[in-house]
Amino acid sequence: MKNLITVFMAGLMCVALGCRTIGPASLQQTHP
């Protein structure tokens, strides 16, 4: 479960920076 939180946090940070290279499909759908 800790891994999921870490990936989630990293995904949010990546989206904030504008790099959608890594992240769950849901994030990619929100930001195509």
N, C-alpha and C. Protein backbone atom coordinates (compact mmCIF):
# COMPACT_ATOMS: atom_id res chain seq x y z
N MET A 1 0.83 -1.20 0.00
CA MET A 1 0.00 0.00 0.00
C MET A 1 0.87 1.26 0.00
N LYS A 2 2.00 1.19 0.69
CA LYS A 2 2.91 2.35 0.73
C LYS A 2 3.38 2.69 -0.68
N ASN A 3 3.64 1.65 -1.48
CA ASN A 3 4.10 1.90 -2.85
C ASN A 3 3.05 2.68 -3.62
N LEU A 4 1.77 2.31 -3.43
CA LEU A 4 0.69 2.99 -4.16
C LEU A 4 0.68 4.47 -3.82
N ILE A 5 0.82 4.79 -2.54
CA ILE A 5 0.83 6.20 -2.11
C ILE A 5 2.01 6.93 -2.73
N THR A 6 3.17 6.28 -2.74
CA THR A 6 4.36 6.92 -3.30
C THR A 6 4.16 7.21 -4.79
N VAL A 7 3.61 6.23 -5.51
CA VAL A 7 3.36 6.41 -6.95
C VAL A 7 2.34 7.52 -7.17
N PHE A 8 1.33 7.54 -6.29
CA PHE A 8 0.29 8.57 -6.43
C PHE A 8 0.88 9.96 -6.24
N MET A 9 1.69 10.11 -5.19
CA MET A 9 2.32 11.40 -4.92
C MET A 9 3.23 11.80 -6.08
N ALA A 10 4.01 10.84 -6.57
CA ALA A 10 4.93 11.12 -7.67
C ALA A 10 4.12 11.52 -8.91
N GLY A 11 2.99 10.86 -9.12
CA GLY A 11 2.15 11.17 -10.28
C GLY A 11 1.61 12.60 -10.20
N LEU A 12 1.15 12.98 -9.00
CA LEU A 12 0.63 14.34 -8.83
C LEU A 12 1.73 15.36 -9.09
N MET A 13 2.91 15.10 -8.59
CA MET A 13 4.03 16.02 -8.77
C MET A 13 4.38 16.11 -10.26
N CYS A 14 4.36 14.97 -10.92
CA CYS A 14 4.70 14.94 -12.34
C CYS A 14 3.67 15.75 -13.13
N VAL A 15 2.40 15.57 -12.78
CA VAL A 15 1.34 16.31 -13.48
C VAL A 15 1.50 17.80 -13.23
N ALA A 16 1.87 18.15 -11.99
CA ALA A 16 2.05 19.56 -11.65
C ALA A 16 3.19 20.15 -12.49
N LEU A 17 4.21 19.34 -12.75
CA LEU A 17 5.36 19.82 -13.54
C LEU A 17 5.04 19.79 -15.03
N GLY A 18 4.02 19.00 -15.39
CA GLY A 18 3.61 18.96 -16.79
C GLY A 18 4.20 17.77 -17.53
N CYS A 19 4.77 16.82 -16.81
CA CYS A 19 5.32 15.63 -17.48
C CYS A 19 4.41 14.45 -17.18
N ARG A 20 3.64 14.04 -18.20
CA ARG A 20 2.66 12.96 -18.00
C ARG A 20 3.26 11.63 -18.44
N THR A 21 4.59 11.48 -18.35
CA THR A 21 5.24 10.26 -18.82
C THR A 21 4.86 9.09 -17.91
N ILE A 22 4.79 9.33 -16.58
CA ILE A 22 4.45 8.26 -15.66
C ILE A 22 3.18 8.62 -14.90
N GLY A 23 2.32 7.63 -14.74
CA GLY A 23 1.09 7.88 -13.99
C GLY A 23 0.02 6.88 -14.38
N PRO A 24 -0.95 6.67 -13.50
CA PRO A 24 -2.04 5.73 -13.77
C PRO A 24 -2.87 6.17 -14.97
N ALA A 25 -3.66 5.24 -15.51
CA ALA A 25 -4.47 5.54 -16.69
C ALA A 25 -5.47 6.64 -16.36
N SER A 26 -5.96 6.68 -15.14
CA SER A 26 -6.93 7.71 -14.75
C SER A 26 -6.32 9.09 -14.90
N LEU A 27 -5.06 9.24 -14.48
CA LEU A 27 -4.40 10.55 -14.60
C LEU A 27 -4.23 10.90 -16.07
N GLN A 28 -3.89 9.91 -16.88
CA GLN A 28 -3.67 10.18 -18.30
C GLN A 28 -5.00 10.56 -18.96
N GLN A 29 -6.11 9.97 -18.48
CA GLN A 29 -7.41 10.31 -19.04
C GLN A 29 -7.78 11.74 -18.67
N THR A 30 -7.46 12.13 -17.42
CA THR A 30 -7.78 13.48 -16.98
C THR A 30 -6.95 14.50 -17.76
N HIS A 31 -5.72 14.13 -18.08
CA HIS A 31 -4.82 15.03 -18.83
C HIS A 31 -4.30 14.33 -20.07
N PRO A 32 -5.13 14.25 -21.11
CA PRO A 32 -4.72 13.54 -22.33
C PRO A 32 -3.57 14.22 -23.07
